Amino acid sequence: MSVQFKYAARSDVGIVRSNNQDSAYAGPHLLVLADGMGGPAGGDIASSVAVAHLAPLDDDVPSADDLIDQLRDAVESAHDELMNRSDTDPDLEGLGTTCIAILRSGTKLGMVHIGDSRAYLLREGELKQLTTDHTYVQHLVDTGRISAEDAEHHPMRNMILRALGDTDGEVLLDTSVREAHPADRWLLASDGLFGVVSHETITETLLEIADVGDCADELINLALRAGAPDNVTVIVCDTVETNSLRDGAQPSTVPQIVGAAATDRLARTRASEFSGAAGRAAKLRPSRELDESEEDTAAPRHRGRIIGRTLGALLIAIIVIGSLAAGYSWTRTQFYVAEDDGVVTVFQGIPQRLGPLALSDIHHRTDIAVADLPTYAKERLATPTTRSSLAEAEAIVENFRDLLTPPSSGGTQPAPAPAQSEEPTDSPSSRAAHPEVPWLL
């Protein structure tokens, strides 16, 4: 039996964020999704670096026995570059990224995972999450301290315990090898999707929309309609049996690169050195010359476009003026927590500016000194934590306040157990001990 990938990758900055720190790559043998962290100065670079190191595997596919080793080598190489960038550039201190990658060799699929981006498999009508989130809240669920339902609304649900980037020690990956089955549908997603769209709705969408591109578009739309407080990135991939395809129905083998890795940030990463399939995808640009008949009509069409653009600009101006008041009113319903003048502070509004106009102001300062917080909490405060109500923002403050008080047992929290997956070829439990550093997205 011979199988192929039929894939689509999509990414959107979302409604609240000002830049996209997600990156994704989908090709005939390789699927990669990375969700960067470290603020606007580093998150987009971190996810781009991860994609850049993994993308060459799509051209030079290893044997089935070497899938995990090749994936691990590429991921660890990306980690080393991120560590070097963090050490040499103060502006990039603290950058990091989640990463999930699936590499196909024949009918074998190797998968590596770190962080809280997820892989799902839809098989025979049932959608199953195959990865375990490397988060503090998932650890609480695994140890029976909270329920899965409570985890969905926990104020610390974005605290990550494992990531690539600015953290000392060995890279602890969850790894597995699986068999590719015809009619399987894979979904790779950042938390911008599953954080706001229910498992049931995702399942229904994957079942009802046959075309991978249309399905990926609809998943992005669902996240946007739900408010999209974070970047949202998805890869939808069908495993199709080659012999069942009609003539002319072969899937495209042109890689798709989306998110930060598809922007000018490539110039600052190894992605600028892409070769083969990855390079062709990154450099694709529509280009052609006008023939004589088109030259005759080009000038009138150009004048028509100018008039159309002018009228369009006027209409947009009217709409913008009419919606500014409503938009500003909406910002007054939003809150976020950040550092100000050395203390944890609650702001009302959103952490953005519209020209000279700040879209937030201080609601109140707390009595929590940032200097008294653990290092990872200080790093978290470098990026505002947005919430849709004052009560939710206060819950964030209380979590920071709890970090000032040592646990009653006097010890530290036990490290989360490594994720289990079917047919594992390697496990973090067999690797050297590693101090896990919490991250917050």
Protein backbone atom coordinates (compact mmCIF):
# COMPACT_ATOMS: atom_id res chain seq x y z
CA MET A 1 0.00 0.00 0.00
CA SER A 2 1.23 3.49 -0.91
CA VAL A 3 -0.11 6.65 0.74
CA GLN A 4 0.28 10.39 0.25
CA PHE A 5 -0.47 13.55 2.23
CA LYS A 6 -3.16 15.97 1.07
CA TYR A 7 -2.72 19.07 3.20
CA ALA A 8 -3.61 22.70 3.88
CA ALA A 9 -2.02 25.16 6.34
CA ARG A 10 -3.66 28.37 7.53
CA SER A 11 -2.76 31.04 10.10
CA ASP A 12 -4.33 34.26 11.38
CA VAL A 13 -3.07 36.88 13.81
CA GLY A 14 -6.43 36.89 15.60
CA ILE A 15 -8.45 39.82 16.88
CA VAL A 16 -6.45 40.91 19.94
CA ARG A 17 -2.78 40.30 19.09
CA SER A 18 -0.82 42.77 17.00
CA ASN A 19 1.60 40.28 15.39
CA ASN A 20 1.65 36.60 14.52
CA GLN A 21 4.06 34.47 16.55
CA ASP A 22 2.81 31.15 15.11
CA SER A 23 4.50 29.37 12.19
CA ALA A 24 3.54 26.28 10.24
CA TYR A 25 4.85 24.18 7.36
CA ALA A 26 2.95 21.52 5.42
CA GLY A 27 4.59 19.44 2.69
CA PRO A 28 4.32 16.02 1.02
CA HIS A 29 6.23 14.30 3.83
CA LEU A 30 6.36 16.80 6.70
CA LEU A 31 3.92 18.73 8.91
CA VAL A 32 5.23 21.28 11.45
CA LEU A 33 3.47 23.74 13.77
CA ALA A 34 5.21 26.07 16.24
CA ASP A 35 3.72 28.65 18.60
CA GLY A 36 6.34 31.22 19.62
CA MET A 37 6.66 33.05 22.91
CA GLY A 38 8.80 35.87 24.19
CA GLY A 39 6.78 38.86 23.07
CA PRO A 40 6.87 40.71 19.75
CA ALA A 41 10.68 40.82 19.90
CA GLY A 42 11.15 37.07 19.88
CA GLY A 43 8.14 34.79 19.54
CA ASP A 44 7.86 35.10 15.77
CA ILE A 45 11.58 34.51 15.35
CA ALA A 46 11.48 31.46 17.63
CA SER A 47 8.70 29.73 15.71
CA SER A 48 10.36 30.59 12.39
CA VAL A 49 13.64 29.06 13.55
CA ALA A 50 11.87 25.82 14.50
CA VAL A 51 10.26 25.58 11.06
CA ALA A 52 13.54 26.45 9.34
CA HIS A 53 15.43 23.59 10.97
CA LEU A 54 12.73 21.02 10.29
CA ALA A 55 11.73 21.98 6.74
CA PRO A 56 14.75 20.36 5.00
CA LEU A 57 13.52 16.95 6.18
CA ASP A 58 10.71 17.24 3.62
CA ASP A 59 13.31 16.94 0.84
CA ASP A 60 15.69 14.44 2.41
CA VAL A 61 13.25 11.96 3.95
CA PRO A 62 14.99 9.41 6.21
CA SER A 63 14.18 5.72 6.40
CA ALA A 64 11.31 4.63 8.63
CA ASP A 65 13.80 3.46 11.27
CA ASP A 66 15.41 6.92 11.47
CA LEU A 67 12.29 9.11 11.63
CA ILE A 68 12.51 9.98 15.32
CA ASP A 69 16.30 10.45 15.31
CA GLN A 70 16.11 12.87 12.37
CA LEU A 71 13.24 14.81 13.92
CA ARG A 72 15.01 15.02 17.27
CA ASP A 73 18.26 16.19 15.68
CA ALA A 74 16.43 18.98 13.82
CA VAL A 75 14.51 20.08 16.91
CA GLU A 76 17.61 20.09 19.10
CA SER A 77 19.45 22.08 16.43
CA ALA A 78 16.64 24.65 16.52
CA HIS A 79 16.89 24.75 20.33
CA ASP A 80 20.63 25.39 20.13
CA GLU A 81 20.12 28.28 17.70
CA LEU A 82 17.47 29.82 19.95
CA MET A 83 19.79 29.54 22.96
CA ASN A 84 22.59 31.19 20.99
CA ARG A 85 20.32 34.01 19.83
CA SER A 86 19.13 34.59 23.38
CA ASP A 87 22.71 34.69 24.68
CA THR A 88 24.00 37.10 22.03
CA ASP A 89 21.01 39.45 21.63
CA PRO A 90 19.52 40.98 24.82
CA ASP A 91 16.35 41.89 22.92
CA LEU A 92 15.70 38.19 22.35
CA GLU A 93 16.22 37.04 25.92
CA GLY A 94 13.43 34.66 26.88
CA LEU A 95 12.32 33.70 23.38
CA GLY A 96 11.02 30.19 22.90
CA THR A 97 8.45 28.11 21.05
CA THR A 98 6.28 25.04 21.21
CA CYS A 99 6.82 22.55 18.41
CA ILE A 100 4.97 19.59 16.98
CA ALA A 101 6.16 17.78 13.85
CA ILE A 102 5.06 14.70 11.90
CA LEU A 103 7.40 13.15 9.33
CA ARG A 104 6.27 10.43 6.88
CA SER A 105 8.41 7.70 5.37
CA GLY A 106 6.22 5.38 3.29
CA THR A 107 3.37 4.38 5.60
CA LYS A 108 5.28 5.15 8.82
CA LEU A 109 4.74 8.43 10.68
CA GLY A 110 7.18 9.74 13.26
CA MET A 111 5.96 12.45 15.64
CA VAL A 112 7.75 14.70 18.14
CA HIS A 113 6.07 17.16 20.45
CA ILE A 114 6.96 19.76 23.08
CA GLY A 115 4.71 22.45 24.57
CA ASP A 116 0.95 22.83 24.30
CA SER A 117 0.29 22.83 20.55
CA ARG A 118 -1.73 19.73 19.72
CA ALA A 119 -2.08 16.89 17.24
CA TYR A 120 -5.48 15.30 16.70
CA LEU A 121 -6.40 12.23 14.64
CA LEU A 122 -9.87 11.75 13.11
CA ARG A 123 -10.40 8.06 12.38
CA GLU A 124 -13.73 6.34 11.70
CA GLY A 125 -15.68 9.36 12.88
CA GLU A 126 -13.88 9.79 16.23
CA LEU A 127 -11.51 12.68 16.97
CA LYS A 128 -8.73 11.80 19.41
CA GLN A 129 -6.13 14.13 20.88
CA LEU A 130 -2.79 12.33 20.50
CA THR A 131 -0.56 14.77 22.39
CA THR A 132 -0.52 15.72 26.05
CA ASP A 133 -0.11 19.40 26.87
CA HIS A 134 3.11 20.20 28.72
CA THR A 135 1.39 22.71 30.98
CA TYR A 136 1.03 23.31 34.69
CA VAL A 137 -2.74 22.90 34.46
CA GLN A 138 -2.44 19.56 32.65
CA HIS A 139 -0.14 18.45 35.47
CA LEU A 140 -2.88 19.38 37.95
CA VAL A 141 -5.35 17.29 35.93
CA ASP A 142 -2.94 14.34 35.69
CA THR A 143 -2.39 14.37 39.47
CA GLY A 144 -6.12 14.60 40.20
CA ARG A 145 -6.06 18.08 41.72
CA ILE A 146 -8.54 19.58 39.26
CA SER A 147 -10.94 18.19 36.67
CA ALA A 148 -10.54 18.49 32.90
CA GLU A 149 -13.55 20.82 32.91
CA ASP A 150 -11.91 23.09 35.51
CA ALA A 151 -8.73 23.13 33.43
CA GLU A 152 -10.51 24.77 30.50
CA HIS A 153 -11.09 27.93 32.56
CA HIS A 154 -8.12 27.85 34.92
CA PRO A 155 -6.34 31.25 34.98
CA MET A 156 -2.92 29.56 34.71
CA ARG A 157 -3.88 27.28 31.81
CA ASN A 158 -1.23 28.84 29.56
CA MET A 159 1.74 28.17 31.85
CA ILE A 160 4.02 25.89 29.83
CA LEU A 161 6.46 23.51 31.52
CA ARG A 162 8.44 22.50 28.43
CA ALA A 163 9.46 24.48 25.36
CA LEU A 164 12.29 25.02 22.92
CA GLY A 165 14.41 28.07 23.58
CA ASP A 166 15.86 30.00 26.46
CA THR A 167 15.96 27.27 29.11
CA ASP A 168 19.00 25.31 30.23
CA GLY A 169 19.14 21.54 30.04
CA GLU A 170 18.16 18.75 27.70
CA VAL A 171 15.23 19.07 25.31
CA LEU A 172 12.52 16.69 26.58
CA LEU A 173 10.38 15.55 23.65
CA ASP A 174 7.41 13.21 23.54
CA THR A 175 7.96 10.87 20.60
CA SER A 176 5.98 8.15 18.88
CA VAL A 177 5.78 6.17 15.64
CA ARG A 178 2.44 5.32 14.02
CA GLU A 179 1.08 3.64 10.93
CA ALA A 180 -0.52 5.87 8.29
CA HIS A 181 -4.03 4.61 7.52
CA PRO A 182 -5.96 5.64 4.39
CA ALA A 183 -8.89 7.98 5.19
CA ASP A 184 -7.22 9.30 8.37
CA ARG A 185 -7.49 13.05 8.85
CA TRP A 186 -4.87 14.83 10.95
CA LEU A 187 -5.22 18.20 12.63
CA LEU A 188 -2.30 20.16 14.06
CA ALA A 189 -3.41 23.28 15.94
CA SER A 190 -2.11 26.04 18.17
CA ASP A 191 -4.05 26.94 21.31
CA GLY A 192 -5.61 29.82 19.41
CA LEU A 193 -8.04 27.23 18.01
CA PHE A 194 -8.80 24.74 20.76
CA GLY A 195 -8.62 27.43 23.43
CA VAL A 196 -11.83 29.00 22.11
CA VAL A 197 -13.50 26.35 19.91
CA SER A 198 -14.96 23.25 21.55
CA HIS A 199 -13.81 19.71 20.83
CA GLU A 200 -17.30 18.90 19.57
CA THR A 201 -17.33 21.78 17.09
CA ILE A 202 -13.85 20.92 15.82
CA THR A 203 -14.95 17.30 15.32
CA GLU A 204 -18.09 18.33 13.47
CA THR A 205 -16.12 20.63 11.17
CA LEU A 206 -13.52 17.99 10.33
CA LEU A 207 -16.28 15.49 9.57
CA GLU A 208 -18.50 17.73 7.46
CA ILE A 209 -16.02 19.64 5.25
CA ALA A 210 -14.24 17.27 2.87
CA ASP A 211 -11.78 19.65 1.21
CA VAL A 212 -8.73 20.21 3.43
CA GLY A 213 -8.35 23.86 2.43
CA ASP A 214 -12.01 24.69 3.03
CA CYS A 215 -11.89 22.83 6.33
CA ALA A 216 -8.80 24.73 7.51
CA ASP A 217 -10.41 28.03 6.51
CA GLU A 218 -13.56 27.21 8.48
CA LEU A 219 -11.57 26.30 11.59
CA ILE A 220 -9.84 29.68 11.44
CA ASN A 221 -13.21 31.39 10.95
CA LEU A 222 -14.65 29.60 13.98
CA ALA A 223 -11.80 30.88 16.14
CA LEU A 224 -12.27 34.41 14.84
CA ARG A 225 -16.00 34.31 15.52
CA ALA A 226 -15.20 33.15 19.05
CA GLY A 227 -13.06 36.24 19.66
CA ALA A 228 -9.61 34.89 18.70
CA PRO A 229 -7.66 36.40 21.62
CA ASP A 230 -4.53 34.61 20.40
CA ASN A 231 -2.90 33.79 17.06
CA VAL A 232 -4.63 30.80 15.50
CA THR A 233 -2.87 28.31 13.22
CA VAL A 234 -4.03 24.96 11.84
CA ILE A 235 -2.85 22.22 9.49
CA VAL A 236 -5.47 19.82 8.11
CA CYS A 237 -3.99 16.75 6.40
CA ASP A 238 -5.67 13.72 4.85
CA THR A 239 -3.84 10.43 4.35
CA VAL A 240 -4.91 9.15 0.94
CA GLU A 241 -4.15 5.84 -0.75
CA THR A 242 -2.27 6.48 -3.98
CA ASN A 243 -3.93 3.68 -5.95
CA SER A 244 -7.41 5.01 -5.16
CA LEU A 245 -6.76 8.39 -6.78
CA ARG A 246 -8.15 9.11 -10.22
CA ASP A 247 -5.88 10.30 -13.01
CA GLY A 248 -5.23 14.00 -12.51
CA ALA A 249 -6.34 13.87 -8.87
CA GLN A 250 -2.87 13.62 -7.37
CA PRO A 251 -2.42 15.90 -4.33
CA SER A 252 -0.22 18.95 -4.70
CA THR A 253 3.34 18.49 -3.50
CA VAL A 254 4.06 22.24 -3.19
CA PRO A 255 4.82 23.04 0.48
CA GLN A 256 2.74 25.64 2.27
CA ILE A 257 4.40 27.97 4.80
CA VAL A 258 2.19 30.25 6.92
CA GLY A 259 2.46 32.58 9.89
CA ALA A 260 5.68 34.25 11.00
CA ALA A 261 7.87 31.91 8.94
CA ALA A 262 6.22 33.21 5.75
CA THR A 263 7.02 36.88 6.49
CA ASP A 264 10.12 39.05 6.38
CA ARG A 265 11.24 37.45 9.65
CA LEU A 266 12.67 34.69 7.43
CA ALA A 267 15.59 37.00 6.74
CA ARG A 268 16.65 36.64 10.38
CA THR A 269 16.43 32.86 10.55
CA ARG A 270 17.89 29.83 8.82
CA ALA A 271 14.72 29.75 6.74
CA SER A 272 16.49 32.08 4.33
CA GLU A 273 18.77 29.13 3.56
CA PHE A 274 15.91 26.79 2.56
CA SER A 275 16.67 24.62 -0.42
CA GLY A 276 14.59 22.26 -2.51
CA ALA A 277 10.88 22.03 -1.75
CA ALA A 278 11.04 24.35 1.24
CA GLY A 279 12.86 26.99 -0.72
CA ARG A 280 10.48 26.78 -3.65
CA ALA A 281 7.53 27.36 -1.35
CA ALA A 282 9.15 30.31 0.40
CA LYS A 283 10.12 31.96 -2.87
CA LEU A 284 6.89 31.42 -4.81
CA ARG A 285 5.73 34.69 -6.29
CA PRO A 286 3.23 35.13 -9.16
CA SER A 287 5.03 36.77 -12.07
CA ARG A 288 4.37 37.09 -15.82
CA GLU A 289 4.66 39.62 -18.65
CA LEU A 290 1.71 41.25 -20.44
CA ASP A 291 1.08 40.15 -24.01
CA GLU A 292 0.23 42.73 -26.70
CA SER A 293 -3.55 42.51 -26.27
CA GLU A 294 -3.22 43.06 -22.53
CA GLU A 295 -0.96 46.07 -23.07
CA ASP A 296 -3.70 47.75 -25.12
CA THR A 297 -6.17 47.56 -22.25
CA ALA A 298 -3.78 47.97 -19.32
CA ALA A 299 -4.04 51.77 -19.08
CA PRO A 300 -7.89 51.93 -18.94
CA ARG A 301 -7.94 49.12 -16.39
CA HIS A 302 -5.31 51.00 -14.36
CA ARG A 303 -7.43 54.18 -14.35
CA GLY A 304 -10.47 52.13 -13.34
CA ARG A 305 -8.58 50.62 -10.45
CA ILE A 306 -7.51 54.08 -9.26
CA ILE A 307 -11.13 55.31 -9.26
CA GLY A 308 -12.29 52.13 -7.55
CA ARG A 309 -9.62 52.41 -4.90
CA THR A 310 -10.50 56.06 -4.25
CA LEU A 311 -14.17 55.29 -3.77
CA GLY A 312 -13.26 52.28 -1.66
CA ALA A 313 -11.02 54.43 0.53
CA LEU A 314 -13.84 56.93 1.10
CA LEU A 315 -16.24 54.16 2.03
CA ILE A 316 -13.72 52.62 4.39
CA ALA A 317 -13.16 56.02 6.04
CA ILE A 318 -16.89 56.39 6.66
CA ILE A 319 -17.10 52.90 8.13
CA VAL A 320 -14.02 53.46 10.30
CA ILE A 321 -15.30 56.74 11.72
CA GLY A 322 -18.64 55.15 12.50
CA SER A 323 -17.07 52.14 14.20
CA LEU A 324 -14.32 53.86 16.20
CA ALA A 325 -16.68 54.86 19.00
CA ALA A 326 -18.09 51.34 19.26
CA GLY A 327 -14.62 49.85 19.11
CA TYR A 328 -13.35 52.08 21.88
CA SER A 329 -16.37 51.18 24.02
CA TRP A 330 -15.48 47.52 23.57
CA THR A 331 -11.91 48.10 24.77
CA ARG A 332 -13.31 49.42 28.07
CA THR A 333 -14.72 45.94 28.75
CA GLN A 334 -11.25 44.39 28.49
CA PHE A 335 -8.53 44.12 31.14
CA TYR A 336 -4.95 42.94 31.29
CA VAL A 337 -2.21 42.35 33.85
CA ALA A 338 1.34 43.60 33.36
CA GLU A 339 4.24 45.22 35.19
CA ASP A 340 4.21 48.96 35.78
CA ASP A 341 6.76 50.83 37.84
CA GLY A 342 7.97 47.61 39.47
CA VAL A 343 4.59 46.29 40.65
CA VAL A 344 1.94 43.97 39.24
CA THR A 345 -0.72 46.25 37.76
CA VAL A 346 -4.23 45.76 36.37
CA PHE A 347 -5.01 47.83 33.27
CA GLN A 348 -8.41 48.53 31.72
CA GLY A 349 -8.46 48.35 27.92
CA ILE A 350 -6.16 46.52 25.51
CA PRO A 351 -2.33 46.79 25.33
CA GLN A 352 -2.25 48.67 22.02
CA ARG A 353 -2.11 52.21 20.67
CA LEU A 354 -4.01 53.86 17.85
CA GLY A 355 -1.53 56.50 16.72
CA PRO A 356 -1.00 58.77 19.75
CA LEU A 357 -4.06 57.33 21.52
CA ALA A 358 -3.41 54.65 24.16
CA LEU A 359 -6.23 52.11 24.29
CA SER A 360 -5.76 51.38 27.99
CA ASP A 361 -5.12 53.01 31.33
CA ILE A 362 -4.28 51.83 34.83
CA HIS A 363 -7.28 50.44 36.69
CA HIS A 364 -5.33 49.83 39.90
CA ARG A 365 -1.91 48.87 41.17
CA THR A 366 -1.49 45.86 43.43
CA ASP A 367 0.87 45.50 46.39
CA ILE A 368 2.86 42.75 44.64
CA ALA A 369 6.44 43.76 43.91
CA VAL A 370 7.71 42.18 40.72
CA ALA A 371 11.15 41.75 42.29
CA ASP A 372 9.64 39.31 44.82
CA LEU A 373 8.29 36.96 42.13
CA PRO A 374 10.03 33.89 40.67
CA THR A 375 11.96 34.37 37.44
CA TYR A 376 9.37 32.71 35.22
CA ALA A 377 6.63 34.95 36.66
CA LYS A 378 8.72 38.04 35.89
CA GLU A 379 9.15 36.81 32.32
CA ARG A 380 5.41 36.28 32.04
CA LEU A 381 4.76 39.88 33.06
CA ALA A 382 6.86 41.07 30.14
CA THR A 383 3.90 40.18 27.92
CA PRO A 384 0.46 41.50 29.01
CA THR A 385 -2.07 38.81 30.00
CA THR A 386 -5.42 39.90 28.54
CA ARG A 387 -8.78 38.93 30.01
CA SER A 388 -12.38 39.79 29.11
CA SER A 389 -13.46 40.85 32.62
CA LEU A 390 -12.08 42.45 35.77
CA ALA A 391 -12.80 39.29 37.75
CA GLU A 392 -10.64 37.20 35.41
CA ALA A 393 -7.82 39.74 35.65
CA GLU A 394 -8.06 39.66 39.45
CA ALA A 395 -7.77 35.86 39.31
CA ILE A 396 -4.45 36.30 37.48
CA VAL A 397 -3.30 38.69 40.21
CA GLU A 398 -4.19 36.17 42.91
CA ASN A 399 -2.15 33.52 41.14
CA PHE A 400 0.85 35.84 41.15
CA ARG A 401 0.16 36.53 44.82
CA ASP A 402 0.19 32.79 45.56
CA LEU A 403 3.69 32.60 44.09
CA LEU A 404 4.92 34.84 46.91
CA THR A 405 3.99 32.20 49.50
CA PRO A 406 6.10 29.01 49.68
CA PRO A 407 4.11 25.73 49.59
CA SER A 408 3.09 24.51 53.08
CA SER A 409 5.05 21.29 52.57
CA GLY A 410 8.21 23.29 52.13
CA GLY A 411 9.06 21.35 49.00
CA THR A 412 8.63 21.86 45.31
CA GLN A 413 6.00 20.56 42.96
CA PRO A 414 6.85 17.19 41.45
CA ALA A 415 7.78 17.26 37.79
CA PRO A 416 4.91 16.26 35.50
CA ALA A 417 4.93 12.69 34.24
CA PRO A 418 5.96 12.34 30.57
CA ALA A 419 3.19 12.04 28.02
CA GLN A 420 2.26 8.53 26.86
CA SER A 421 1.39 7.76 23.26
CA GLU A 422 0.73 4.63 21.26
CA GLU A 423 3.72 2.71 19.94
CA PRO A 424 6.31 4.94 21.71
CA THR A 425 9.86 4.63 20.48
CA ASP A 426 11.33 6.92 23.11
CA SER A 427 10.21 8.56 26.31
CA PRO A 428 11.43 11.49 28.38
CA SER A 429 11.37 9.20 31.40
CA SER A 430 14.38 7.37 29.97
CA ARG A 431 16.36 10.54 29.48
CA ALA A 432 18.40 12.57 31.97
CA ALA A 433 16.61 14.65 34.62
CA HIS A 434 15.79 18.14 33.52
CA PRO A 435 14.62 21.12 35.57
CA GLU A 436 11.37 22.18 33.93
CA VAL A 437 10.89 25.89 33.55
CA PRO A 438 7.31 27.22 33.50
CA TRP A 439 6.34 29.40 30.54
CA LEU A 440 3.21 31.41 30.04
CA LEU A 441 1.84 32.17 26.57
